[in-house]
Amino acid sequence: MALSQEFYFHDPDERPWVVNAGCRDSDADTFFPGPDGDAELAVRICMGCPVRQECLDWAIEIRIAYGVWGGTTERERRRFLRKTA
């Protein structure tokens, strides 16, 4: 399933930036590699994304626990949240 089918089902008033997301045509499995999976490809896609910061801010704001968002892994976001708590 392409990420666009799962990720972009949203209220455009809530996250208007998703229409410009670099991952919109990517396979969702790339961004949800599992505990022992490799997130390198997902992070590389995110680094070239024009809305990477918006995505990261949103993931941190609603505390998304799984997957790569805004170029960060689950572990990186947990670490960031602990530092800012």
PDB file of N, CA and C in Angstrom:
ATOM      1  N   MET A   1       0.848  -1.181   0.000  1.00  0.00           N
ATOM      2  CA  MET A   1       0.000   0.000   0.000  1.00  0.00           C
ATOM      3  C   MET A   1       0.885   1.233   0.000  1.00  0.00           C
ATOM      4  N   ALA A   2       0.623   2.144  -0.862  1.00  0.00           N
ATOM      5  CA  ALA A   2       1.383   3.394  -0.906  1.00  0.00           C
ATOM      6  C   ALA A   2       1.042   4.228   0.314  1.00  0.00           C
ATOM      7  N   LEU A   3       2.005   4.929   0.794  1.00  0.00           N
ATOM      8  CA  LEU A   3       1.804   5.761   1.970  1.00  0.00           C
ATOM      9  C   LEU A   3       0.693   6.772   1.733  1.00  0.00           C
ATOM     10  N   SER A   4       0.557   7.229   0.509  1.00  0.00           N
ATOM     11  CA  SER A   4      -0.459   8.232   0.207  1.00  0.00           C
ATOM     12  C   SER A   4      -1.855   7.738   0.537  1.00  0.00           C
ATOM     13  N   GLN A   5      -2.133   6.461   0.368  1.00  0.00           N
ATOM     14  CA  GLN A   5      -3.458   5.924   0.641  1.00  0.00           C
ATOM     15  C   GLN A   5      -3.750   5.884   2.128  1.00  0.00           C
ATOM     16  N   GLU A   6      -2.748   5.661   2.935  1.00  0.00           N
ATOM     17  CA  GLU A   6      -2.928   5.548   4.371  1.00  0.00           C
ATOM     18  C   GLU A   6      -2.718   6.889   5.078  1.00  0.00           C
ATOM     19  N   PHE A   7      -1.655   7.561   4.739  1.00  0.00           N
ATOM     20  CA  PHE A   7      -1.217   8.763   5.435  1.00  0.00           C
ATOM     21  C   PHE A   7      -2.024   9.998   5.067  1.00  0.00           C
ATOM     22  N   TYR A   8      -2.489  10.070   3.852  1.00  0.00           N
ATOM     23  CA  TYR A   8      -3.125  11.289   3.390  1.00  0.00           C
ATOM     24  C   TYR A   8      -4.616  11.335   3.591  1.00  0.00           C
ATOM     25  N   PHE A   9      -5.182  10.340   4.223  1.00  0.00           N
ATOM     26  CA  PHE A   9      -6.589  10.410   4.569  1.00  0.00           C
ATOM     27  C   PHE A   9      -6.657  11.291   5.810  1.00  0.00           C
ATOM     28  N   HIS A  10      -6.909  12.562   5.596  1.00  0.00           N
ATOM     29  CA  HIS A  10      -6.817  13.523   6.686  1.00  0.00           C
ATOM     30  C   HIS A  10      -7.717  14.719   6.428  1.00  0.00           C
ATOM     31  N   ASP A  11      -7.868  15.509   7.426  1.00  0.00           N
ATOM     32  CA  ASP A  11      -8.577  16.779   7.320  1.00  0.00           C
ATOM     33  C   ASP A  11      -7.569  17.809   6.816  1.00  0.00           C
ATOM     34  N   PRO A  12      -7.785  18.356   5.600  1.00  0.00           N
ATOM     35  CA  PRO A  12      -6.793  19.296   5.055  1.00  0.00           C
ATOM     36  C   PRO A  12      -6.604  20.547   5.909  1.00  0.00           C
ATOM     37  N   ASP A  13      -7.560  20.854   6.757  1.00  0.00           N
ATOM     38  CA  ASP A  13      -7.376  21.996   7.647  1.00  0.00           C
ATOM     39  C   ASP A  13      -6.403  21.662   8.775  1.00  0.00           C
ATOM     40  N   GLU A  14      -6.312  20.390   9.118  1.00  0.00           N
ATOM     41  CA  GLU A  14      -5.426  19.962  10.199  1.00  0.00           C
ATOM     42  C   GLU A  14      -3.973  19.870   9.742  1.00  0.00           C
ATOM     43  N   ARG A  15      -3.739  19.279   8.556  1.00  0.00           N
ATOM     44  CA  ARG A  15      -2.376  19.083   8.056  1.00  0.00           C
ATOM     45  C   ARG A  15      -2.298  19.415   6.564  1.00  0.00           C
ATOM     46  N   PRO A  16      -2.406  20.667   6.192  1.00  0.00           N
ATOM     47  CA  PRO A  16      -2.387  21.004   4.765  1.00  0.00           C
ATOM     48  C   PRO A  16      -1.049  20.714   4.087  1.00  0.00           C
ATOM     49  N   TRP A  17       0.000  20.599   4.855  1.00  0.00           N
ATOM     50  CA  TRP A  17       1.337  20.379   4.325  1.00  0.00           C
ATOM     51  C   TRP A  17       1.514  19.001   3.701  1.00  0.00           C
ATOM     52  N   VAL A  18       0.656  18.028   4.019  1.00  0.00           N
ATOM     53  CA  VAL A  18       0.883  16.665   3.522  1.00  0.00           C
ATOM     54  C   VAL A  18       0.812  16.543   2.006  1.00  0.00           C
ATOM     55  N   VAL A  19       0.139  17.463   1.346  1.00  0.00           N
ATOM     56  CA  VAL A  19       0.066  17.377  -0.120  1.00  0.00           C
ATOM     57  C   VAL A  19       1.435  17.577  -0.757  1.00  0.00           C
ATOM     58  N   ASN A  20       2.373  18.152  -0.027  1.00  0.00           N
ATOM     59  CA  ASN A  20       3.730  18.387  -0.535  1.00  0.00           C
ATOM     60  C   ASN A  20       4.757  17.406   0.021  1.00  0.00           C
ATOM     61  N   ALA A  21       4.302  16.413   0.767  1.00  0.00           N
ATOM     62  CA  ALA A  21       5.222  15.477   1.417  1.00  0.00           C
ATOM     63  C   ALA A  21       5.974  14.628   0.399  1.00  0.00           C
ATOM     64  N   GLY A  22       7.256  14.488   0.606  1.00  0.00           N
ATOM     65  CA  GLY A  22       8.102  13.698  -0.287  1.00  0.00           C
ATOM     66  C   GLY A  22       7.797  12.217  -0.248  1.00  0.00           C
ATOM     67  N   CYS A  23       7.103  11.757   0.776  1.00  0.00           N
ATOM     68  CA  CYS A  23       6.806  10.336   0.935  1.00  0.00           C
ATOM     69  C   CYS A  23       5.462   9.935   0.334  1.00  0.00           C
ATOM     70  N   ARG A  24       4.733  10.863  -0.205  1.00  0.00           N
ATOM     71  CA  ARG A  24       3.348  10.602  -0.599  1.00  0.00           C
ATOM     72  C   ARG A  24       3.171   9.466  -1.602  1.00  0.00           C
ATOM     73  N   ASP A  25       4.191   9.151  -2.379  1.00  0.00           N
ATOM     74  CA  ASP A  25       4.089   8.057  -3.336  1.00  0.00           C
ATOM     75  C   ASP A  25       4.942   6.851  -2.939  1.00  0.00           C
ATOM     76  N   SER A  26       5.403   6.843  -1.711  1.00  0.00           N
ATOM     77  CA  SER A  26       6.276   5.766  -1.238  1.00  0.00           C
ATOM     78  C   SER A  26       5.469   4.668  -0.549  1.00  0.00           C
ATOM     79  N   ASP A  27       6.068   3.509  -0.480  1.00  0.00           N
ATOM     80  CA  ASP A  27       5.472   2.378   0.213  1.00  0.00           C
ATOM     81  C   ASP A  27       5.550   2.635   1.723  1.00  0.00           C
ATOM     82  N   ALA A  28       4.441   2.457   2.411  1.00  0.00           N
ATOM     83  CA  ALA A  28       4.390   2.700   3.857  1.00  0.00           C
ATOM     84  C   ALA A  28       5.386   1.833   4.614  1.00  0.00           C
ATOM     85  N   ASP A  29       5.662   0.626   4.118  1.00  0.00           N
ATOM     86  CA  ASP A  29       6.607  -0.252   4.805  1.00  0.00           C
ATOM     87  C   ASP A  29       7.987   0.376   4.940  1.00  0.00           C
ATOM     88  N   THR A  30       8.339   1.255   4.037  1.00  0.00           N
ATOM     89  CA  THR A  30       9.630   1.946   4.105  1.00  0.00           C
ATOM     90  C   THR A  30       9.706   2.790   5.364  1.00  0.00           C
ATOM     91  N   PHE A  31       8.589   3.377   5.773  1.00  0.00           N
ATOM     92  CA  PHE A  31       8.567   4.290   6.912  1.00  0.00           C
ATOM     93  C   PHE A  31       8.191   3.610   8.225  1.00  0.00           C
ATOM     94  N   PHE A  32       7.855   2.326   8.149  1.00  0.00           N
ATOM     95  CA  PHE A  32       7.531   1.541   9.333  1.00  0.00           C
ATOM     96  C   PHE A  32       8.310   0.238   9.271  1.00  0.00           C
ATOM     97  N   PRO A  33       9.657   0.324   9.424  1.00  0.00           N
ATOM     98  CA  PRO A  33      10.515  -0.840   9.216  1.00  0.00           C
ATOM     99  C   PRO A  33      10.480  -1.877  10.336  1.00  0.00           C
ATOM    100  N   GLY A  34       9.825  -1.615  11.429  1.00  0.00           N
ATOM    101  CA  GLY A  34       9.802  -2.569  12.535  1.00  0.00           C
ATOM    102  C   GLY A  34      11.004  -2.392  13.436  1.00  0.00           C
ATOM    103  N   PRO A  35      10.997  -3.081  14.565  1.00  0.00           N
ATOM    104  CA  PRO A  35      12.057  -2.879  15.567  1.00  0.00           C
ATOM    105  C   PRO A  35      13.466  -3.210  15.075  1.00  0.00           C
ATOM    106  N   ASP A  36      13.603  -4.195  14.217  1.00  0.00           N
ATOM    107  CA  ASP A  36      14.932  -4.571  13.730  1.00  0.00           C
ATOM    108  C   ASP A  36      15.171  -4.128  12.297  1.00  0.00           C
ATOM    109  N   GLY A  37      14.243  -3.344  11.759  1.00  0.00           N
ATOM    110  CA  GLY A  37      14.351  -2.914  10.365  1.00  0.00           C
ATOM    111  C   GLY A  37      15.289  -1.742  10.183  1.00  0.00           C
ATOM    112  N   ASP A  38      15.623  -1.494   8.938  1.00  0.00           N
ATOM    113  CA  ASP A  38      16.530  -0.417   8.581  1.00  0.00           C
ATOM    114  C   ASP A  38      15.731   0.799   8.130  1.00  0.00           C
ATOM    115  N   ALA A  39      15.882   1.906   8.813  1.00  0.00           N
ATOM    116  CA  ALA A  39      15.148   3.128   8.510  1.00  0.00           C
ATOM    117  C   ALA A  39      15.929   4.064   7.590  1.00  0.00           C
ATOM    118  N   GLU A  40      17.073   3.643   7.114  1.00  0.00           N
ATOM    119  CA  GLU A  40      17.955   4.525   6.338  1.00  0.00           C
ATOM    120  C   GLU A  40      17.281   5.101   5.093  1.00  0.00           C
ATOM    121  N   LEU A  41      16.579   4.281   4.321  1.00  0.00           N
ATOM    122  CA  LEU A  41      15.923   4.772   3.114  1.00  0.00           C
ATOM    123  C   LEU A  41      14.863   5.806   3.457  1.00  0.00           C
ATOM    124  N   ALA A  42      14.068   5.540   4.479  1.00  0.00           N
ATOM    125  CA  ALA A  42      13.026   6.488   4.885  1.00  0.00           C
ATOM    126  C   ALA A  42      13.634   7.825   5.305  1.00  0.00           C
ATOM    127  N   VAL A  43      14.684   7.768   6.077  1.00  0.00           N
ATOM    128  CA  VAL A  43      15.347   8.997   6.536  1.00  0.00           C
ATOM    129  C   VAL A  43      15.902   9.774   5.347  1.00  0.00           C
ATOM    130  N   ARG A  44      16.466   9.072   4.371  1.00  0.00           N
ATOM    131  CA  ARG A  44      16.981   9.745   3.169  1.00  0.00           C
ATOM    132  C   ARG A  44      15.864  10.431   2.394  1.00  0.00           C
ATOM    133  N   ILE A  45      14.722   9.776   2.278  1.00  0.00           N
ATOM    134  CA  ILE A  45      13.575  10.392   1.596  1.00  0.00           C
ATOM    135  C   ILE A  45      13.146  11.644   2.354  1.00  0.00           C
ATOM    136  N   CYS A  46      13.095  11.562   3.653  1.00  0.00           N
ATOM    137  CA  CYS A  46      12.688  12.704   4.479  1.00  0.00           C
ATOM    138  C   CYS A  46      13.653  13.883   4.352  1.00  0.00           C
ATOM    139  N   MET A  47      14.933  13.606   4.237  1.00  0.00           N
ATOM    140  CA  MET A  47      15.908  14.689   4.180  1.00  0.00           C
ATOM    141  C   MET A  47      15.705  15.579   2.956  1.00  0.00           C
ATOM    142  N   GLY A  48      15.127  15.050   1.903  1.00  0.00           N
ATOM    143  CA  GLY A  48      14.866  15.855   0.713  1.00  0.00           C
ATOM    144  C   GLY A  48      13.449  16.395   0.650  1.00  0.00           C
ATOM    145  N   CYS A  49      12.696  16.221   1.703  1.00  0.00           N
ATOM    146  CA  CYS A  49      11.282  16.604   1.711  1.00  0.00           C
ATOM    147  C   CYS A  49      11.104  18.088   2.052  1.00  0.00           C
ATOM    148  N   PRO A  50      10.277  18.788   1.275  1.00  0.00           N
ATOM    149  CA  PRO A  50      10.073  20.212   1.534  1.00  0.00           C
ATOM    150  C   PRO A  50       9.243  20.504   2.791  1.00  0.00           C
ATOM    151  N   VAL A  51       8.573  19.501   3.337  1.00  0.00           N
ATOM    152  CA  VAL A  51       7.751  19.731   4.536  1.00  0.00           C
ATOM    153  C   VAL A  51       8.235  18.878   5.714  1.00  0.00           C
ATOM    154  N   ARG A  52       9.515  18.544   5.688  1.00  0.00           N
ATOM    155  CA  ARG A  52      10.082  17.698   6.740  1.00  0.00           C
ATOM    156  C   ARG A  52       9.860  18.272   8.133  1.00  0.00           C
ATOM    157  N   GLN A  53      10.090  19.562   8.311  1.00  0.00           N
ATOM    158  CA  GLN A  53       9.949  20.161   9.633  1.00  0.00           C
ATOM    159  C   GLN A  53       8.501  20.138  10.109  1.00  0.00           C
ATOM    160  N   GLU A  54       7.559  20.404   9.230  1.00  0.00           N
ATOM    161  CA  GLU A  54       6.144  20.359   9.593  1.00  0.00           C
ATOM    162  C   GLU A  54       5.748  18.950  10.025  1.00  0.00           C
ATOM    163  N   CYS A  55       6.256  17.966   9.299  1.00  0.00           N
ATOM    164  CA  CYS A  55       5.978  16.568   9.612  1.00  0.00           C
ATOM    165  C   CYS A  55       6.549  16.202  10.984  1.00  0.00           C
ATOM    166  N   LEU A  56       7.771  16.586  11.228  1.00  0.00           N
ATOM    167  CA  LEU A  56       8.410  16.303  12.515  1.00  0.00           C
ATOM    168  C   LEU A  56       7.677  17.004  13.645  1.00  0.00           C
ATOM    169  N   ASP A  57       7.349  18.266  13.460  1.00  0.00           N
ATOM    170  CA  ASP A  57       6.626  19.005  14.502  1.00  0.00           C
ATOM    171  C   ASP A  57       5.306  18.328  14.833  1.00  0.00           C
ATOM    172  N   TRP A  58       4.590  17.885  13.797  1.00  0.00           N
ATOM    173  CA  TRP A  58       3.300  17.230  13.987  1.00  0.00           C
ATOM    174  C   TRP A  58       3.477  15.912  14.736  1.00  0.00           C
ATOM    175  N   ALA A  59       4.474  15.116  14.334  1.00  0.00           N
ATOM    176  CA  ALA A  59       4.720  13.820  14.975  1.00  0.00           C
ATOM    177  C   ALA A  59       5.065  13.991  16.450  1.00  0.00           C
ATOM    178  N   ILE A  60       5.816  15.012  16.766  1.00  0.00           N
ATOM    179  CA  ILE A  60       6.174  15.271  18.169  1.00  0.00           C
ATOM    180  C   ILE A  60       4.964  15.797  18.936  1.00  0.00           C
ATOM    181  N   GLU A  61       4.215  16.685  18.308  1.00  0.00           N
ATOM    182  CA  GLU A  61       3.049  17.273  18.968  1.00  0.00           C
ATOM    183  C   GLU A  61       2.022  16.217  19.369  1.00  0.00           C
ATOM    184  N   ILE A  62       1.744  15.276  18.478  1.00  0.00           N
ATOM    185  CA  ILE A  62       0.737  14.269  18.824  1.00  0.00           C
ATOM    186  C   ILE A  62       1.376  12.972  19.330  1.00  0.00           C
ATOM    187  N   ARG A  63       2.691  13.001  19.458  1.00  0.00           N
ATOM    188  CA  ARG A  63       3.458  11.895  20.043  1.00  0.00           C
ATOM    189  C   ARG A  63       3.266  10.574  19.305  1.00  0.00           C
ATOM    190  N   ILE A  64       3.565  10.622  18.011  1.00  0.00           N
ATOM    191  CA  ILE A  64       3.498   9.399  17.215  1.00  0.00           C
ATOM    192  C   ILE A  64       4.619   8.475  17.679  1.00  0.00           C
ATOM    193  N   ALA A  65       4.253   7.275  18.065  1.00  0.00           N
ATOM    194  CA  ALA A  65       5.213   6.348  18.653  1.00  0.00           C
ATOM    195  C   ALA A  65       5.946   5.491  17.628  1.00  0.00           C
ATOM    196  N   TYR A  66       5.385   5.292  16.453  1.00  0.00           N
ATOM    197  CA  TYR A  66       5.963   4.352  15.495  1.00  0.00           C
ATOM    198  C   TYR A  66       6.306   5.006  14.168  1.00  0.00           C
ATOM    199  N   GLY A  67       7.320   4.486  13.531  1.00  0.00           N
ATOM    200  CA  GLY A  67       7.664   4.914  12.187  1.00  0.00           C
ATOM    201  C   GLY A  67       8.657   6.055  12.129  1.00  0.00           C
ATOM    202  N   VAL A  68       9.009   6.379  10.885  1.00  0.00           N
ATOM    203  CA  VAL A  68       9.911   7.499  10.611  1.00  0.00           C
ATOM    204  C   VAL A  68       9.049   8.685  10.204  1.00  0.00           C
ATOM    205  N   TRP A  69       9.216   9.792  10.898  1.00  0.00           N
ATOM    206  CA  TRP A  69       8.452  11.015  10.635  1.00  0.00           C
ATOM    207  C   TRP A  69       9.411  12.182  10.679  1.00  0.00           C
ATOM    208  N   GLY A  70       9.369  13.026   9.691  1.00  0.00           N
ATOM    209  CA  GLY A  70      10.240  14.198   9.660  1.00  0.00           C
ATOM    210  C   GLY A  70      11.712  13.853   9.714  1.00  0.00           C
ATOM    211  N   GLY A  71      12.060  12.688   9.207  1.00  0.00           N
ATOM    212  CA  GLY A  71      13.461  12.287   9.181  1.00  0.00           C
ATOM    213  C   GLY A  71      13.984  11.744  10.489  1.00  0.00           C
ATOM    214  N   THR A  72      13.092  11.436  11.432  1.00  0.00           N
ATOM    215  CA  THR A  72      13.523  10.905  12.722  1.00  0.00           C
ATOM    216  C   THR A  72      12.908   9.530  12.960  1.00  0.00           C
ATOM    217  N   THR A  73      13.650   8.715  13.655  1.00  0.00           N
ATOM    218  CA  THR A  73      13.159   7.388  14.025  1.00  0.00           C
ATOM    219  C   THR A  73      12.398   7.497  15.347  1.00  0.00           C
ATOM    220  N   GLU A  74      11.752   6.406  15.705  1.00  0.00           N
ATOM    221  CA  GLU A  74      11.021   6.355  16.972  1.00  0.00           C
ATOM    222  C   GLU A  74      11.944   6.685  18.143  1.00  0.00           C
ATOM    223  N   ARG A  75      13.115   6.079  18.130  1.00  0.00           N
ATOM    224  CA  ARG A  75      14.087   6.275  19.215  1.00  0.00           C
ATOM    225  C   ARG A  75      14.529   7.741  19.304  1.00  0.00           C
ATOM    226  N   GLU A  76      14.778   8.358  18.160  1.00  0.00           N
ATOM    227  CA  GLU A  76      15.217   9.758  18.155  1.00  0.00           C
ATOM    228  C   GLU A  76      14.133  10.678  18.711  1.00  0.00           C
ATOM    229  N   ARG A  77      12.885  10.411  18.362  1.00  0.00           N
ATOM    230  CA  ARG A  77      11.801  11.251  18.887  1.00  0.00           C
ATOM    231  C   ARG A  77      11.607  11.040  20.384  1.00  0.00           C
ATOM    232  N   ARG A  78      11.740   9.813  20.864  1.00  0.00           N
ATOM    233  CA  ARG A  78      11.636   9.561  22.314  1.00  0.00           C
ATOM    234  C   ARG A  78      12.737  10.303  23.057  1.00  0.00           C
ATOM    235  N   ARG A  79      13.943  10.234  22.514  1.00  0.00           N
ATOM    236  CA  ARG A  79      15.082  10.924  23.137  1.00  0.00           C
ATOM    237  C   ARG A  79      14.827  12.432  23.192  1.00  0.00           C
ATOM    238  N   PHE A  80      14.328  12.984  22.087  1.00  0.00           N
ATOM    239  CA  PHE A  80      14.022  14.418  22.030  1.00  0.00           C
ATOM    240  C   PHE A  80      12.969  14.779  23.085  1.00  0.00           C
ATOM    241  N   LEU A  81      11.926  13.976  23.193  1.00  0.00           N
ATOM    242  CA  LEU A  81      10.870  14.265  24.163  1.00  0.00           C
ATOM    243  C   LEU A  81      11.371  14.204  25.585  1.00  0.00           C
ATOM    244  N   ARG A  82      12.264  13.267  25.872  1.00  0.00           N
ATOM    245  CA  ARG A  82      12.833  13.192  27.225  1.00  0.00           C
ATOM    246  C   ARG A  82      13.668  14.426  27.546  1.00  0.00           C
ATOM    247  N   LYS A  83      14.419  14.894  26.564  1.00  0.00           N
ATOM    248  CA  LYS A  83      15.266  16.068  26.780  1.00  0.00           C
ATOM    249  C   LYS A  83      14.430  17.338  26.997  1.00  0.00           C
ATOM    250  N   THR A  84      13.300  17.426  26.334  1.00  0.00           N
ATOM    251  CA  THR A  84      12.492  18.647  26.430  1.00  0.00           C
ATOM    252  C   THR A  84      11.465  18.594  27.551  1.00  0.00           C
ATOM    253  N   ALA A  85      11.357  17.440  28.221  1.00  0.00           N
ATOM    254  CA  ALA A  85      10.357  17.307  29.295  1.00  0.00           C
ATOM    255  C   ALA A  85      10.769  18.055  30.537  1.00  0.00           C
TER     256      ALA A  85
END
